[in-house]
Amino acid sequence: MNPNTISADERRLLKCLRALGSRERETLLAFADFLAARAGASQREPVVAREPHPVPRPEHESVVAAIKRLSQSYDMLEPRALLHETSALMSAHVLQGRSANEVIDELEALFARHYRDYRAGIAAQD
């Protein structure tokens, strides 16, 4: 089979995907991931945890810049999983006056904890 040609099923799936809005696309992709995972771990390549790429913390950093830095450093983490806690810390800084350094320390701990959970999830798949 020529790798440059796609099957009728693949064309149909692509047509459906293109017709969907962004939310529906996410749902379809999540379901496809679920079905692929259910197909059996023996058929999949082993998943290897990606390592973070730490960016040094500047001396005077804003909370927003820290979130961007940590998101780049831990690019393997799902942003939606971090959204609630990250937003709460940002709100504590902006609305409650918590110091940027204190909030950034907690953000770093938050990202590190989510990375440990990410690694544990991959180890559980083995």
N, C-alpha and C. Protein backbone atom coordinates (compact mmCIF):
# COMPACT_ATOMS: atom_id res chain seq x y z
N MET A 1 0.84 -1.19 0.00
CA MET A 1 0.00 0.00 0.00
C MET A 1 0.88 1.24 0.00
N ASN A 2 0.55 2.20 -0.81
CA ASN A 2 1.29 3.45 -0.91
C ASN A 2 1.02 4.31 0.32
N PRO A 3 2.08 4.72 1.06
CA PRO A 3 1.86 5.51 2.27
C PRO A 3 1.30 6.90 1.99
N ASN A 4 1.34 7.36 0.73
CA ASN A 4 0.82 8.68 0.39
C ASN A 4 -0.66 8.67 0.10
N THR A 5 -1.28 7.50 0.03
CA THR A 5 -2.71 7.42 -0.21
C THR A 5 -3.41 7.12 1.11
N ILE A 6 -4.62 7.62 1.21
CA ILE A 6 -5.38 7.36 2.42
C ILE A 6 -6.62 6.55 2.04
N SER A 7 -7.08 5.76 2.99
CA SER A 7 -8.23 4.89 2.74
C SER A 7 -9.52 5.71 2.75
N ALA A 8 -10.59 5.06 2.33
CA ALA A 8 -11.91 5.70 2.34
C ALA A 8 -12.31 6.07 3.77
N ASP A 9 -12.01 5.20 4.73
CA ASP A 9 -12.32 5.50 6.13
C ASP A 9 -11.56 6.73 6.62
N GLU A 10 -10.29 6.83 6.24
CA GLU A 10 -9.49 7.98 6.65
C GLU A 10 -10.03 9.27 6.02
N ARG A 11 -10.43 9.20 4.74
CA ARG A 11 -11.02 10.38 4.08
C ARG A 11 -12.32 10.78 4.76
N ARG A 12 -13.13 9.78 5.09
CA ARG A 12 -14.41 10.06 5.77
C ARG A 12 -14.17 10.71 7.14
N LEU A 13 -13.21 10.16 7.88
CA LEU A 13 -12.89 10.72 9.19
C LEU A 13 -12.37 12.15 9.06
N LEU A 14 -11.52 12.39 8.10
CA LEU A 14 -10.97 13.72 7.87
C LEU A 14 -12.08 14.70 7.49
N LYS A 15 -13.02 14.27 6.64
CA LYS A 15 -14.15 15.12 6.25
C LYS A 15 -14.98 15.48 7.47
N CYS A 16 -15.24 14.51 8.34
CA CYS A 16 -15.99 14.77 9.57
C CYS A 16 -15.23 15.74 10.47
N LEU A 17 -13.96 15.51 10.63
CA LEU A 17 -13.14 16.36 11.48
C LEU A 17 -13.18 17.80 11.01
N ARG A 18 -13.04 18.01 9.72
CA ARG A 18 -13.04 19.37 9.16
C ARG A 18 -14.39 20.07 9.33
N ALA A 19 -15.47 19.31 9.43
CA ALA A 19 -16.80 19.90 9.56
C ALA A 19 -17.13 20.31 10.99
N LEU A 20 -16.30 19.92 11.94
CA LEU A 20 -16.59 20.18 13.35
C LEU A 20 -15.98 21.48 13.84
N GLY A 21 -16.59 22.02 14.88
CA GLY A 21 -16.03 23.16 15.59
C GLY A 21 -14.91 22.68 16.50
N SER A 22 -14.21 23.61 17.12
CA SER A 22 -13.04 23.24 17.94
C SER A 22 -13.41 22.34 19.12
N ARG A 23 -14.53 22.61 19.78
CA ARG A 23 -14.93 21.77 20.91
C ARG A 23 -15.23 20.34 20.47
N GLU A 24 -15.96 20.24 19.37
CA GLU A 24 -16.32 18.92 18.87
C GLU A 24 -15.07 18.17 18.39
N ARG A 25 -14.12 18.91 17.81
CA ARG A 25 -12.86 18.28 17.39
C ARG A 25 -12.14 17.69 18.60
N GLU A 26 -12.09 18.46 19.70
CA GLU A 26 -11.43 17.96 20.91
C GLU A 26 -12.10 16.69 21.39
N THR A 27 -13.44 16.68 21.35
CA THR A 27 -14.17 15.50 21.80
C THR A 27 -13.88 14.31 20.89
N LEU A 28 -13.90 14.54 19.59
CA LEU A 28 -13.61 13.45 18.65
C LEU A 28 -12.20 12.92 18.84
N LEU A 29 -11.24 13.81 19.00
CA LEU A 29 -9.85 13.37 19.19
C LEU A 29 -9.68 12.63 20.52
N ALA A 30 -10.35 13.11 21.57
CA ALA A 30 -10.28 12.42 22.85
C ALA A 30 -10.87 11.01 22.73
N PHE A 31 -11.97 10.90 22.02
CA PHE A 31 -12.58 9.58 21.83
C PHE A 31 -11.69 8.68 20.99
N ALA A 32 -11.08 9.25 19.95
CA ALA A 32 -10.16 8.46 19.12
C ALA A 32 -8.97 7.98 19.95
N ASP A 33 -8.44 8.86 20.82
CA ASP A 33 -7.35 8.46 21.71
C ASP A 33 -7.79 7.32 22.63
N PHE A 34 -9.02 7.44 23.16
CA PHE A 34 -9.56 6.40 24.03
C PHE A 34 -9.65 5.07 23.29
N LEU A 35 -10.19 5.10 22.08
CA LEU A 35 -10.33 3.86 21.32
C LEU A 35 -8.96 3.27 20.97
N ALA A 36 -8.02 4.12 20.63
CA ALA A 36 -6.68 3.63 20.31
C ALA A 36 -6.04 2.99 21.54
N ALA A 37 -6.24 3.61 22.71
CA ALA A 37 -5.68 3.05 23.94
C ALA A 37 -6.35 1.73 24.27
N ARG A 38 -7.65 1.65 24.04
CA ARG A 38 -8.40 0.43 24.33
C ARG A 38 -8.00 -0.70 23.40
N ALA A 39 -7.47 -0.36 22.24
CA ALA A 39 -7.10 -1.38 21.27
C ALA A 39 -6.03 -2.32 21.82
N GLY A 40 -5.34 -1.88 22.84
CA GLY A 40 -4.39 -2.76 23.49
C GLY A 40 -3.01 -2.16 23.60
N ALA A 41 -2.48 -2.23 24.78
CA ALA A 41 -1.15 -1.68 25.04
C ALA A 41 -0.09 -2.45 24.27
N SER A 42 -0.34 -3.70 23.99
CA SER A 42 0.66 -4.50 23.28
C SER A 42 0.85 -4.03 21.84
N GLN A 43 -0.13 -3.35 21.30
CA GLN A 43 -0.03 -2.87 19.93
C GLN A 43 0.62 -1.49 19.84
N ARG A 44 0.79 -0.83 20.98
CA ARG A 44 1.35 0.52 21.00
C ARG A 44 2.84 0.48 21.28
N GLU A 45 3.49 1.52 20.83
CA GLU A 45 4.88 1.73 21.19
C GLU A 45 4.91 2.14 22.66
N PRO A 46 5.95 1.79 23.38
CA PRO A 46 6.02 2.22 24.78
C PRO A 46 6.09 3.74 24.87
N VAL A 47 5.38 4.27 25.85
CA VAL A 47 5.36 5.72 26.06
C VAL A 47 6.53 6.09 26.95
N VAL A 48 7.27 7.07 26.52
CA VAL A 48 8.42 7.52 27.29
C VAL A 48 8.13 8.92 27.79
N ALA A 49 8.34 9.13 29.07
CA ALA A 49 8.09 10.46 29.65
C ALA A 49 9.06 11.47 29.06
N ARG A 50 8.52 12.60 28.68
CA ARG A 50 9.37 13.68 28.20
C ARG A 50 9.91 14.44 29.39
N GLU A 51 11.12 14.89 29.28
CA GLU A 51 11.76 15.63 30.36
C GLU A 51 11.47 17.12 30.21
N PRO A 52 11.37 17.83 31.35
CA PRO A 52 11.19 19.28 31.26
C PRO A 52 12.47 19.95 30.76
N HIS A 53 12.30 21.12 30.22
CA HIS A 53 13.42 21.94 29.75
C HIS A 53 13.43 23.21 30.58
N PRO A 54 14.03 23.13 31.76
CA PRO A 54 13.95 24.26 32.69
C PRO A 54 14.58 25.53 32.12
N VAL A 55 13.85 26.61 32.26
CA VAL A 55 14.34 27.93 31.92
C VAL A 55 14.63 28.61 33.25
N PRO A 56 15.84 29.16 33.44
CA PRO A 56 16.17 29.77 34.72
C PRO A 56 15.21 30.90 35.08
N ARG A 57 14.93 31.00 36.35
CA ARG A 57 14.04 32.04 36.86
C ARG A 57 14.80 33.37 36.95
N PRO A 58 14.31 34.39 36.25
CA PRO A 58 14.97 35.69 36.36
C PRO A 58 14.79 36.28 37.76
N GLU A 59 15.66 37.18 38.09
CA GLU A 59 15.62 37.79 39.43
C GLU A 59 14.31 38.53 39.68
N HIS A 60 13.90 39.34 38.73
CA HIS A 60 12.65 40.10 38.86
C HIS A 60 11.69 39.62 37.78
N GLU A 61 10.76 38.75 38.17
CA GLU A 61 9.85 38.13 37.22
C GLU A 61 8.42 38.38 37.65
N SER A 62 7.57 38.67 36.69
CA SER A 62 6.15 38.83 37.00
C SER A 62 5.51 37.45 37.06
N VAL A 63 4.34 37.39 37.65
CA VAL A 63 3.62 36.13 37.76
C VAL A 63 3.24 35.63 36.36
N VAL A 64 2.80 36.52 35.49
CA VAL A 64 2.44 36.13 34.13
C VAL A 64 3.66 35.57 33.39
N ALA A 65 4.80 36.23 33.53
CA ALA A 65 6.02 35.74 32.88
C ALA A 65 6.42 34.38 33.45
N ALA A 66 6.21 34.17 34.75
CA ALA A 66 6.53 32.88 35.36
C ALA A 66 5.65 31.77 34.81
N ILE A 67 4.37 32.08 34.62
CA ILE A 67 3.46 31.08 34.05
C ILE A 67 3.91 30.71 32.64
N LYS A 68 4.27 31.70 31.85
CA LYS A 68 4.76 31.44 30.49
C LYS A 68 6.05 30.62 30.53
N ARG A 69 6.97 30.99 31.42
CA ARG A 69 8.25 30.27 31.54
C ARG A 69 8.01 28.82 31.93
N LEU A 70 7.17 28.61 32.93
CA LEU A 70 6.90 27.25 33.40
C LEU A 70 6.14 26.43 32.36
N SER A 71 5.26 27.07 31.62
CA SER A 71 4.55 26.37 30.55
C SER A 71 5.51 25.91 29.46
N GLN A 72 6.52 26.71 29.17
CA GLN A 72 7.54 26.32 28.20
C GLN A 72 8.42 25.20 28.76
N SER A 73 8.79 25.34 30.02
CA SER A 73 9.65 24.33 30.65
C SER A 73 8.96 22.97 30.74
N TYR A 74 7.67 22.99 31.04
CA TYR A 74 6.90 21.77 31.21
C TYR A 74 5.88 21.65 30.07
N ASP A 75 6.35 21.72 28.84
CA ASP A 75 5.45 21.73 27.69
C ASP A 75 4.70 20.42 27.50
N MET A 76 5.10 19.37 28.19
CA MET A 76 4.42 18.08 28.07
C MET A 76 3.14 18.02 28.91
N LEU A 77 2.95 18.98 29.80
CA LEU A 77 1.77 18.97 30.67
C LEU A 77 0.57 19.58 29.95
N GLU A 78 -0.59 19.06 30.25
CA GLU A 78 -1.83 19.53 29.65
C GLU A 78 -2.22 20.86 30.32
N PRO A 79 -2.27 21.96 29.57
CA PRO A 79 -2.58 23.26 30.16
C PRO A 79 -3.91 23.30 30.90
N ARG A 80 -4.90 22.58 30.38
CA ARG A 80 -6.21 22.60 31.04
C ARG A 80 -6.15 21.99 32.44
N ALA A 81 -5.25 21.04 32.64
CA ALA A 81 -5.13 20.42 33.96
C ALA A 81 -4.56 21.40 34.99
N LEU A 82 -3.83 22.39 34.51
CA LEU A 82 -3.20 23.37 35.39
C LEU A 82 -4.03 24.64 35.54
N LEU A 83 -5.02 24.82 34.70
CA LEU A 83 -5.73 26.08 34.61
C LEU A 83 -6.34 26.54 35.92
N HIS A 84 -7.07 25.68 36.60
CA HIS A 84 -7.78 26.07 37.82
C HIS A 84 -6.81 26.56 38.90
N GLU A 85 -5.79 25.76 39.17
CA GLU A 85 -4.84 26.12 40.23
C GLU A 85 -3.99 27.32 39.85
N THR A 86 -3.61 27.41 38.58
CA THR A 86 -2.82 28.54 38.12
C THR A 86 -3.64 29.82 38.22
N SER A 87 -4.90 29.76 37.82
CA SER A 87 -5.79 30.92 37.91
C SER A 87 -5.99 31.35 39.35
N ALA A 88 -6.13 30.39 40.25
CA ALA A 88 -6.32 30.72 41.66
C ALA A 88 -5.09 31.44 42.22
N LEU A 89 -3.91 30.98 41.83
CA LEU A 89 -2.68 31.65 42.30
C LEU A 89 -2.56 33.04 41.70
N MET A 90 -2.90 33.17 40.43
CA MET A 90 -2.85 34.50 39.79
C MET A 90 -3.82 35.45 40.47
N SER A 91 -5.00 34.96 40.78
CA SER A 91 -6.00 35.78 41.48
C SER A 91 -5.52 36.18 42.86
N ALA A 92 -4.87 35.26 43.56
CA ALA A 92 -4.34 35.59 44.89
C ALA A 92 -3.33 36.72 44.80
N HIS A 93 -2.57 36.75 43.74
CA HIS A 93 -1.58 37.81 43.54
C HIS A 93 -2.27 39.13 43.18
N VAL A 94 -3.14 39.09 42.19
CA VAL A 94 -3.75 40.32 41.68
C VAL A 94 -4.81 40.87 42.62
N LEU A 95 -5.69 40.01 43.10
CA LEU A 95 -6.83 40.47 43.89
C LEU A 95 -6.57 40.53 45.39
N GLN A 96 -5.69 39.65 45.88
CA GLN A 96 -5.46 39.59 47.32
C GLN A 96 -4.12 40.17 47.72
N GLY A 97 -3.32 40.56 46.75
CA GLY A 97 -2.06 41.21 47.04
C GLY A 97 -0.92 40.31 47.49
N ARG A 98 -1.01 39.02 47.24
CA ARG A 98 0.11 38.14 47.61
C ARG A 98 1.32 38.50 46.77
N SER A 99 2.49 38.40 47.34
CA SER A 99 3.70 38.81 46.64
C SER A 99 3.96 37.92 45.43
N ALA A 100 4.56 38.51 44.41
CA ALA A 100 4.87 37.77 43.19
C ALA A 100 5.82 36.62 43.49
N ASN A 101 6.84 36.86 44.31
CA ASN A 101 7.80 35.79 44.62
C ASN A 101 7.14 34.60 45.29
N GLU A 102 6.25 34.88 46.22
CA GLU A 102 5.54 33.81 46.93
C GLU A 102 4.66 33.01 45.96
N VAL A 103 3.95 33.70 45.10
CA VAL A 103 3.07 33.04 44.14
C VAL A 103 3.90 32.25 43.12
N ILE A 104 5.01 32.82 42.67
CA ILE A 104 5.87 32.11 41.72
C ILE A 104 6.45 30.85 42.34
N ASP A 105 6.84 30.93 43.62
CA ASP A 105 7.31 29.71 44.32
C ASP A 105 6.23 28.63 44.28
N GLU A 106 4.99 29.02 44.54
CA GLU A 106 3.90 28.04 44.52
C GLU A 106 3.62 27.53 43.11
N LEU A 107 3.75 28.41 42.12
CA LEU A 107 3.58 27.98 40.74
C LEU A 107 4.63 26.94 40.36
N GLU A 108 5.86 27.18 40.77
CA GLU A 108 6.92 26.21 40.48
C GLU A 108 6.63 24.87 41.14
N ALA A 109 6.14 24.91 42.37
CA ALA A 109 5.78 23.67 43.06
C ALA A 109 4.60 22.98 42.37
N LEU A 110 3.64 23.77 41.90
CA LEU A 110 2.48 23.24 41.20
C LEU A 110 2.89 22.51 39.92
N PHE A 111 3.72 23.16 39.11
CA PHE A 111 4.17 22.53 37.87
C PHE A 111 4.99 21.27 38.17
N ALA A 112 5.83 21.33 39.18
CA ALA A 112 6.64 20.15 39.54
C ALA A 112 5.74 19.00 39.98
N ARG A 113 4.70 19.31 40.75
CA ARG A 113 3.77 18.26 41.21
C ARG A 113 3.03 17.64 40.02
N HIS A 114 2.57 18.47 39.11
CA HIS A 114 1.88 17.94 37.93
C HIS A 114 2.84 17.12 37.06
N TYR A 115 4.10 17.51 37.03
CA TYR A 115 5.07 16.72 36.27
C TYR A 115 5.28 15.36 36.93
N ARG A 116 5.34 15.32 38.27
CA ARG A 116 5.46 14.03 38.97
C ARG A 116 4.25 13.15 38.67
N ASP A 117 3.07 13.76 38.65
CA ASP A 117 1.85 13.00 38.33
C ASP A 117 1.91 12.48 36.89
N TYR A 118 2.41 13.30 35.99
CA TYR A 118 2.58 12.91 34.59
C TYR A 118 3.50 11.70 34.49
N ARG A 119 4.63 11.75 35.18
CA ARG A 119 5.59 10.63 35.17
C ARG A 119 4.97 9.38 35.77
N ALA A 120 4.24 9.55 36.86
CA ALA A 120 3.60 8.41 37.51
C ALA A 120 2.57 7.78 36.58
N GLY A 121 1.84 8.60 35.85
CA GLY A 121 0.85 8.08 34.90
C GLY A 121 1.49 7.27 33.79
N ILE A 122 2.64 7.72 33.33
CA ILE A 122 3.34 6.98 32.28
C ILE A 122 3.91 5.68 32.84
N ALA A 123 4.45 5.74 34.06
CA ALA A 123 5.00 4.53 34.68
C ALA A 123 3.90 3.50 34.89
N ALA A 124 2.68 3.95 35.20
CA ALA A 124 1.57 3.03 35.42
C ALA A 124 1.15 2.32 34.14
N GLN A 125 1.48 2.92 32.99
CA GLN A 125 1.12 2.30 31.71
C GLN A 125 2.03 1.13 31.36
N ASP A 126 3.20 1.08 31.98
CA ASP A 126 4.16 0.01 31.68
C ASP A 126 3.74 -1.32 32.24
